[in-house]
Amino acid sequence: MNITLFGAMIRFHRKKAGLSQKELADLSGVGKTIVFDLEKGKETIRLNSFLKILEGLNIQMNFSGPLMKHFKQQYHEKG
């Protein structure tokens, strides 16, 4: 998934939630410029800011791959 698609996804969810960019920024604890930049496809958004926006919109990320099952098992054994 490229950054432009992420921006479109954020914009779609924000609009469906009836939020302005400022409202989403306030809800997520980031600046309005971050939301604007992300929706416009800026490639240098901090991961932490991106994750806050996803949380504000109640969007979850899921990781998958051939080794994820083994990682989860190892992580839970150590944790």
PDB file of N, CA and C in Angstrom:
ATOM      1  N   MET A   1       0.864  -1.173   0.000  1.00  0.00           N
ATOM      2  CA  MET A   1       0.000   0.000   0.000  1.00  0.00           C
ATOM      3  C   MET A   1       0.907   1.231   0.000  1.00  0.00           C
ATOM      4  N   ASN A   2       0.676   2.154  -0.907  1.00  0.00           N
ATOM      5  CA  ASN A   2       1.508   3.352  -0.943  1.00  0.00           C
ATOM      6  C   ASN A   2       0.902   4.471  -0.106  1.00  0.00           C
ATOM      7  N   ILE A   3       1.684   5.519   0.118  1.00  0.00           N
ATOM      8  CA  ILE A   3       1.266   6.602   1.006  1.00  0.00           C
ATOM      9  C   ILE A   3       0.027   7.328   0.478  1.00  0.00           C
ATOM     10  N   THR A   4      -0.132   7.421  -0.840  1.00  0.00           N
ATOM     11  CA  THR A   4      -1.309   8.078  -1.405  1.00  0.00           C
ATOM     12  C   THR A   4      -2.578   7.315  -1.032  1.00  0.00           C
ATOM     13  N   LEU A   5      -2.492   6.006  -1.041  1.00  0.00           N
ATOM     14  CA  LEU A   5      -3.636   5.176  -0.661  1.00  0.00           C
ATOM     15  C   LEU A   5      -3.952   5.332   0.826  1.00  0.00           C
ATOM     16  N   PHE A   6      -2.913   5.436   1.661  1.00  0.00           N
ATOM     17  CA  PHE A   6      -3.139   5.704   3.087  1.00  0.00           C
ATOM     18  C   PHE A   6      -3.882   7.020   3.265  1.00  0.00           C
ATOM     19  N   GLY A   7      -3.442   8.043   2.558  1.00  0.00           N
ATOM     20  CA  GLY A   7      -4.085   9.354   2.657  1.00  0.00           C
ATOM     21  C   GLY A   7      -5.546   9.305   2.253  1.00  0.00           C
ATOM     22  N   ALA A   8      -5.825   8.605   1.162  1.00  0.00           N
ATOM     23  CA  ALA A   8      -7.210   8.470   0.699  1.00  0.00           C
ATOM     24  C   ALA A   8      -8.056   7.711   1.725  1.00  0.00           C
ATOM     25  N   MET A   9      -7.467   6.694   2.346  1.00  0.00           N
ATOM     26  CA  MET A   9      -8.184   5.921   3.356  1.00  0.00           C
ATOM     27  C   MET A   9      -8.516   6.796   4.568  1.00  0.00           C
ATOM     28  N   ILE A  10      -7.549   7.594   5.002  1.00  0.00           N
ATOM     29  CA  ILE A  10      -7.773   8.476   6.147  1.00  0.00           C
ATOM     30  C   ILE A  10      -8.856   9.494   5.814  1.00  0.00           C
ATOM     31  N   ARG A  11      -8.759  10.118   4.655  1.00  0.00           N
ATOM     32  CA  ARG A  11      -9.748  11.122   4.238  1.00  0.00           C
ATOM     33  C   ARG A  11     -11.147  10.504   4.170  1.00  0.00           C
ATOM     34  N   PHE A  12     -11.261   9.313   3.583  1.00  0.00           N
ATOM     35  CA  PHE A  12     -12.541   8.617   3.471  1.00  0.00           C
ATOM     36  C   PHE A  12     -13.163   8.396   4.853  1.00  0.00           C
ATOM     37  N   HIS A  13     -12.380   7.833   5.764  1.00  0.00           N
ATOM     38  CA  HIS A  13     -12.892   7.542   7.106  1.00  0.00           C
ATOM     39  C   HIS A  13     -13.223   8.824   7.864  1.00  0.00           C
ATOM     40  N   ARG A  14     -12.389   9.842   7.718  1.00  0.00           N
ATOM     41  CA  ARG A  14     -12.646  11.115   8.398  1.00  0.00           C
ATOM     42  C   ARG A  14     -13.959  11.718   7.941  1.00  0.00           C
ATOM     43  N   LYS A  15     -14.173  11.738   6.627  1.00  0.00           N
ATOM     44  CA  LYS A  15     -15.411  12.318   6.094  1.00  0.00           C
ATOM     45  C   LYS A  15     -16.627  11.500   6.485  1.00  0.00           C
ATOM     46  N   LYS A  16     -16.512  10.178   6.448  1.00  0.00           N
ATOM     47  CA  LYS A  16     -17.644   9.321   6.854  1.00  0.00           C
ATOM     48  C   LYS A  16     -17.973   9.514   8.330  1.00  0.00           C
ATOM     49  N   ALA A  17     -16.958   9.872   9.127  1.00  0.00           N
ATOM     50  CA  ALA A  17     -17.175  10.129  10.548  1.00  0.00           C
ATOM     51  C   ALA A  17     -17.693  11.543  10.794  1.00  0.00           C
ATOM     52  N   GLY A  18     -17.763  12.344   9.738  1.00  0.00           N
ATOM     53  CA  GLY A  18     -18.268  13.706   9.872  1.00  0.00           C
ATOM     54  C   GLY A  18     -17.310  14.645  10.573  1.00  0.00           C
ATOM     55  N   LEU A  19     -16.010  14.364  10.457  1.00  0.00           N
ATOM     56  CA  LEU A  19     -14.999  15.165  11.130  1.00  0.00           C
ATOM     57  C   LEU A  19     -14.271  16.082  10.160  1.00  0.00           C
ATOM     58  N   SER A  20     -13.956  17.269  10.609  1.00  0.00           N
ATOM     59  CA  SER A  20     -13.058  18.143   9.852  1.00  0.00           C
ATOM     60  C   SER A  20     -11.631  17.678  10.137  1.00  0.00           C
ATOM     61  N   GLN A  21     -10.685  18.181   9.370  1.00  0.00           N
ATOM     62  CA  GLN A  21      -9.287  17.844   9.630  1.00  0.00           C
ATOM     63  C   GLN A  21      -8.880  18.306  11.026  1.00  0.00           C
ATOM     64  N   LYS A  22      -9.345  19.474  11.426  1.00  0.00           N
ATOM     65  CA  LYS A  22      -9.027  20.016  12.756  1.00  0.00           C
ATOM     66  C   LYS A  22      -9.627  19.134  13.845  1.00  0.00           C
ATOM     67  N   GLU A  23     -10.856  18.698  13.657  1.00  0.00           N
ATOM     68  CA  GLU A  23     -11.505  17.839  14.655  1.00  0.00           C
ATOM     69  C   GLU A  23     -10.769  16.502  14.796  1.00  0.00           C
ATOM     70  N   LEU A  24     -10.378  15.919  13.659  1.00  0.00           N
ATOM     71  CA  LEU A  24      -9.624  14.662  13.719  1.00  0.00           C
ATOM     72  C   LEU A  24      -8.287  14.878  14.402  1.00  0.00           C
ATOM     73  N   ALA A  25      -7.627  15.979  14.079  1.00  0.00           N
ATOM     74  CA  ALA A  25      -6.341  16.282  14.703  1.00  0.00           C
ATOM     75  C   ALA A  25      -6.500  16.404  16.215  1.00  0.00           C
ATOM     76  N   ASP A  26      -7.507  17.143  16.656  1.00  0.00           N
ATOM     77  CA  ASP A  26      -7.746  17.311  18.089  1.00  0.00           C
ATOM     78  C   ASP A  26      -8.068  15.974  18.757  1.00  0.00           C
ATOM     79  N   LEU A  27      -8.910  15.184  18.117  1.00  0.00           N
ATOM     80  CA  LEU A  27      -9.288  13.872  18.641  1.00  0.00           C
ATOM     81  C   LEU A  27      -8.078  12.946  18.755  1.00  0.00           C
ATOM     82  N   SER A  28      -7.163  13.064  17.799  1.00  0.00           N
ATOM     83  CA  SER A  28      -6.009  12.176  17.736  1.00  0.00           C
ATOM     84  C   SER A  28      -4.810  12.690  18.529  1.00  0.00           C
ATOM     85  N   GLY A  29      -4.849  13.954  18.922  1.00  0.00           N
ATOM     86  CA  GLY A  29      -3.723  14.516  19.665  1.00  0.00           C
ATOM     87  C   GLY A  29      -2.545  14.884  18.781  1.00  0.00           C
ATOM     88  N   VAL A  30      -2.837  15.271  17.540  1.00  0.00           N
ATOM     89  CA  VAL A  30      -1.792  15.719  16.615  1.00  0.00           C
ATOM     90  C   VAL A  30      -2.195  17.078  16.054  1.00  0.00           C
ATOM     91  N   GLY A  31      -1.287  17.717  15.367  1.00  0.00           N
ATOM     92  CA  GLY A  31      -1.598  18.994  14.746  1.00  0.00           C
ATOM     93  C   GLY A  31      -2.402  18.819  13.459  1.00  0.00           C
ATOM     94  N   LYS A  32      -3.175  19.838  13.104  1.00  0.00           N
ATOM     95  CA  LYS A  32      -3.993  19.791  11.888  1.00  0.00           C
ATOM     96  C   LYS A  32      -3.126  19.582  10.653  1.00  0.00           C
ATOM     97  N   THR A  33      -1.925  20.150  10.667  1.00  0.00           N
ATOM     98  CA  THR A  33      -1.025  20.014   9.519  1.00  0.00           C
ATOM     99  C   THR A  33      -0.682  18.551   9.252  1.00  0.00           C
ATOM    100  N   ILE A  34      -0.590  17.754  10.306  1.00  0.00           N
ATOM    101  CA  ILE A  34      -0.285  16.323  10.146  1.00  0.00           C
ATOM    102  C   ILE A  34      -1.393  15.641   9.352  1.00  0.00           C
ATOM    103  N   VAL A  35      -2.641  15.909   9.719  1.00  0.00           N
ATOM    104  CA  VAL A  35      -3.776  15.307   9.009  1.00  0.00           C
ATOM    105  C   VAL A  35      -3.781  15.780   7.557  1.00  0.00           C
ATOM    106  N   PHE A  36      -3.601  17.077   7.347  1.00  0.00           N
ATOM    107  CA  PHE A  36      -3.574  17.639   5.997  1.00  0.00           C
ATOM    108  C   PHE A  36      -2.469  16.982   5.172  1.00  0.00           C
ATOM    109  N   ASP A  37      -1.266  16.927   5.737  1.00  0.00           N
ATOM    110  CA  ASP A  37      -0.130  16.344   5.009  1.00  0.00           C
ATOM    111  C   ASP A  37      -0.360  14.879   4.677  1.00  0.00           C
ATOM    112  N   LEU A  38      -0.888  14.132   5.622  1.00  0.00           N
ATOM    113  CA  LEU A  38      -1.142  12.708   5.385  1.00  0.00           C
ATOM    114  C   LEU A  38      -2.162  12.519   4.275  1.00  0.00           C
ATOM    115  N   GLU A  39      -3.235  13.287   4.315  1.00  0.00           N
ATOM    116  CA  GLU A  39      -4.271  13.159   3.287  1.00  0.00           C
ATOM    117  C   GLU A  39      -3.756  13.569   1.909  1.00  0.00           C
ATOM    118  N   LYS A  40      -2.766  14.435   1.865  1.00  0.00           N
ATOM    119  CA  LYS A  40      -2.186  14.877   0.592  1.00  0.00           C
ATOM    120  C   LYS A  40      -1.049  13.982   0.121  1.00  0.00           C
ATOM    121  N   GLY A  41      -0.715  12.949   0.902  1.00  0.00           N
ATOM    122  CA  GLY A  41       0.284  11.977   0.469  1.00  0.00           C
ATOM    123  C   GLY A  41       1.713  12.292   0.850  1.00  0.00           C
ATOM    124  N   LYS A  42       1.923  13.194   1.817  1.00  0.00           N
ATOM    125  CA  LYS A  42       3.282  13.494   2.246  1.00  0.00           C
ATOM    126  C   LYS A  42       3.930  12.225   2.782  1.00  0.00           C
ATOM    127  N   GLU A  43       5.156  11.984   2.393  1.00  0.00           N
ATOM    128  CA  GLU A  43       5.823  10.722   2.728  1.00  0.00           C
ATOM    129  C   GLU A  43       6.617  10.762   4.024  1.00  0.00           C
ATOM    130  N   THR A  44       6.677  11.895   4.691  1.00  0.00           N
ATOM    131  CA  THR A  44       7.518  12.001   5.879  1.00  0.00           C
ATOM    132  C   THR A  44       6.710  12.182   7.162  1.00  0.00           C
ATOM    133  N   ILE A  45       5.580  11.562   7.238  1.00  0.00           N
ATOM    134  CA  ILE A  45       4.763  11.595   8.451  1.00  0.00           C
ATOM    135  C   ILE A  45       5.395  10.664   9.483  1.00  0.00           C
ATOM    136  N   ARG A  46       5.470  11.121  10.715  1.00  0.00           N
ATOM    137  CA  ARG A  46       6.011  10.264  11.785  1.00  0.00           C
ATOM    138  C   ARG A  46       5.052   9.094  12.045  1.00  0.00           C
ATOM    139  N   LEU A  47       5.627   7.946  12.273  1.00  0.00           N
ATOM    140  CA  LEU A  47       4.829   6.747  12.528  1.00  0.00           C
ATOM    141  C   LEU A  47       3.917   6.951  13.732  1.00  0.00           C
ATOM    142  N   ASN A  48       4.433   7.561  14.784  1.00  0.00           N
ATOM    143  CA  ASN A  48       3.640   7.787  15.982  1.00  0.00           C
ATOM    144  C   ASN A  48       2.400   8.632  15.669  1.00  0.00           C
ATOM    145  N   SER A  49       2.559   9.664  14.855  1.00  0.00           N
ATOM    146  CA  SER A  49       1.424  10.509  14.471  1.00  0.00           C
ATOM    147  C   SER A  49       0.422   9.717  13.644  1.00  0.00           C
ATOM    148  N   PHE A  50       0.922   8.926  12.725  1.00  0.00           N
ATOM    149  CA  PHE A  50       0.053   8.094  11.894  1.00  0.00           C
ATOM    150  C   PHE A  50      -0.767   7.134  12.759  1.00  0.00           C
ATOM    151  N   LEU A  51      -0.111   6.514  13.722  1.00  0.00           N
ATOM    152  CA  LEU A  51      -0.808   5.570  14.599  1.00  0.00           C
ATOM    153  C   LEU A  51      -1.869   6.275  15.448  1.00  0.00           C
ATOM    154  N   LYS A  52      -1.588   7.494  15.886  1.00  0.00           N
ATOM    155  CA  LYS A  52      -2.581   8.259  16.652  1.00  0.00           C
ATOM    156  C   LYS A  52      -3.816   8.566  15.801  1.00  0.00           C
ATOM    157  N   ILE A  53      -3.596   8.897  14.536  1.00  0.00           N
ATOM    158  CA  ILE A  53      -4.714   9.184  13.636  1.00  0.00           C
ATOM    159  C   ILE A  53      -5.541   7.919  13.397  1.00  0.00           C
ATOM    160  N   LEU A  54      -4.869   6.803  13.180  1.00  0.00           N
ATOM    161  CA  LEU A  54      -5.587   5.538  13.016  1.00  0.00           C
ATOM    162  C   LEU A  54      -6.430   5.238  14.247  1.00  0.00           C
ATOM    163  N   GLU A  55      -5.859   5.463  15.426  1.00  0.00           N
ATOM    164  CA  GLU A  55      -6.599   5.222  16.658  1.00  0.00           C
ATOM    165  C   GLU A  55      -7.792   6.163  16.762  1.00  0.00           C
ATOM    166  N   GLY A  56      -7.604   7.422  16.387  1.00  0.00           N
ATOM    167  CA  GLY A  56      -8.691   8.388  16.427  1.00  0.00           C
ATOM    168  C   GLY A  56      -9.856   8.002  15.533  1.00  0.00           C
ATOM    169  N   LEU A  57      -9.557   7.321  14.440  1.00  0.00           N
ATOM    170  CA  LEU A  57     -10.592   6.881  13.504  1.00  0.00           C
ATOM    171  C   LEU A  57     -11.034   5.440  13.757  1.00  0.00           C
ATOM    172  N   ASN A  58     -10.470   4.817  14.792  1.00  0.00           N
ATOM    173  CA  ASN A  58     -10.792   3.431  15.128  1.00  0.00           C
ATOM    174  C   ASN A  58     -10.453   2.475  13.981  1.00  0.00           C
ATOM    175  N   ILE A  59      -9.305   2.716  13.360  1.00  0.00           N
ATOM    176  CA  ILE A  59      -8.808   1.844  12.295  1.00  0.00           C
ATOM    177  C   ILE A  59      -7.696   0.990  12.897  1.00  0.00           C
ATOM    178  N   GLN A  60      -7.764  -0.307  12.666  1.00  0.00           N
ATOM    179  CA  GLN A  60      -6.749  -1.215  13.180  1.00  0.00           C
ATOM    180  C   GLN A  60      -5.867  -1.720  12.063  1.00  0.00           C
ATOM    181  N   MET A  61      -4.593  -1.866  12.360  1.00  0.00           N
ATOM    182  CA  MET A  61      -3.658  -2.469  11.408  1.00  0.00           C
ATOM    183  C   MET A  61      -3.454  -3.923  11.817  1.00  0.00           C
ATOM    184  N   ASN A  62      -3.382  -4.771  10.834  1.00  0.00           N
ATOM    185  CA  ASN A  62      -3.111  -6.184  11.070  1.00  0.00           C
ATOM    186  C   ASN A  62      -1.895  -6.585  10.253  1.00  0.00           C
ATOM    187  N   PHE A  63      -0.966  -7.258  10.901  1.00  0.00           N
ATOM    188  CA  PHE A  63       0.234  -7.713  10.219  1.00  0.00           C
ATOM    189  C   PHE A  63       0.101  -9.192   9.914  1.00  0.00           C
ATOM    190  N   SER A  64       0.513  -9.555   8.717  1.00  0.00           N
ATOM    191  CA  SER A  64       0.488 -10.964   8.353  1.00  0.00           C
ATOM    192  C   SER A  64       1.743 -11.284   7.559  1.00  0.00           C
ATOM    193  N   GLY A  65       2.119 -12.488   7.612  1.00  0.00           N
ATOM    194  CA  GLY A  65       3.294 -12.950   6.889  1.00  0.00           C
ATOM    195  C   GLY A  65       3.578 -14.379   7.300  1.00  0.00           C
ATOM    196  N   PRO A  66       4.440 -15.032   6.562  1.00  0.00           N
ATOM    197  CA  PRO A  66       4.679 -16.446   6.825  1.00  0.00           C
ATOM    198  C   PRO A  66       5.299 -16.728   8.194  1.00  0.00           C
ATOM    199  N   LEU A  67       5.941 -15.740   8.815  1.00  0.00           N
ATOM    200  CA  LEU A  67       6.594 -15.975  10.099  1.00  0.00           C
ATOM    201  C   LEU A  67       5.859 -15.353  11.286  1.00  0.00           C
ATOM    202  N   MET A  68       4.728 -14.699  11.059  1.00  0.00           N
ATOM    203  CA  MET A  68       4.031 -14.020  12.147  1.00  0.00           C
ATOM    204  C   MET A  68       3.570 -14.982  13.246  1.00  0.00           C
ATOM    205  N   LYS A  69       3.121 -16.152  12.872  1.00  0.00           N
ATOM    206  CA  LYS A  69       2.684 -17.130  13.863  1.00  0.00           C
ATOM    207  C   LYS A  69       3.845 -17.479  14.789  1.00  0.00           C
ATOM    208  N   HIS A  70       5.020 -17.694  14.227  1.00  0.00           N
ATOM    209  CA  HIS A  70       6.200 -18.031  15.016  1.00  0.00           C
ATOM    210  C   HIS A  70       6.637 -16.845  15.876  1.00  0.00           C
ATOM    211  N   PHE A  71       6.563 -15.644  15.320  1.00  0.00           N
ATOM    212  CA  PHE A  71       6.911 -14.450  16.087  1.00  0.00           C
ATOM    213  C   PHE A  71       6.000 -14.307  17.297  1.00  0.00           C
ATOM    214  N   LYS A  72       4.696 -14.457  17.087  1.00  0.00           N
ATOM    215  CA  LYS A  72       3.734 -14.306  18.187  1.00  0.00           C
ATOM    216  C   LYS A  72       3.985 -15.347  19.274  1.00  0.00           C
ATOM    217  N   GLN A  73       4.283 -16.578  18.867  1.00  0.00           N
ATOM    218  CA  GLN A  73       4.566 -17.623  19.848  1.00  0.00           C
ATOM    219  C   GLN A  73       5.812 -17.274  20.646  1.00  0.00           C
ATOM    220  N   GLN A  74       6.864 -16.867  19.971  1.00  0.00           N
ATOM    221  CA  GLN A  74       8.119 -16.526  20.636  1.00  0.00           C
ATOM    222  C   GLN A  74       7.946 -15.295  21.523  1.00  0.00           C
ATOM    223  N   TYR A  75       7.205 -14.319  21.053  1.00  0.00           N
ATOM    224  CA  TYR A  75       6.991 -13.096  21.807  1.00  0.00           C
ATOM    225  C   TYR A  75       6.234 -13.375  23.101  1.00  0.00           C
ATOM    226  N   HIS A  76       5.209 -14.213  23.022  1.00  0.00           N
ATOM    227  CA  HIS A  76       4.404 -14.540  24.200  1.00  0.00           C
ATOM    228  C   HIS A  76       5.173 -15.413  25.188  1.00  0.00           C
ATOM    229  N   GLU A  77       6.082 -16.242  24.681  1.00  0.00           N
ATOM    230  CA  GLU A  77       6.893 -17.070  25.576  1.00  0.00           C
ATOM    231  C   GLU A  77       7.861 -16.212  26.382  1.00  0.00           C
ATOM    232  N   LYS A  78       8.408 -15.165  25.761  1.00  0.00           N
ATOM    233  CA  LYS A  78       9.375 -14.301  26.437  1.00  0.00           C
ATOM    234  C   LYS A  78       8.704 -13.235  27.287  1.00  0.00           C
ATOM    235  N   GLY A  79       7.501 -12.800  26.852  1.00  0.00           N
ATOM    236  CA  GLY A  79       6.828 -11.676  27.509  1.00  0.00           C
ATOM    237  C   GLY A  79       6.114 -12.071  28.730  1.00  0.00           C
TER     238      GLY A  79
END
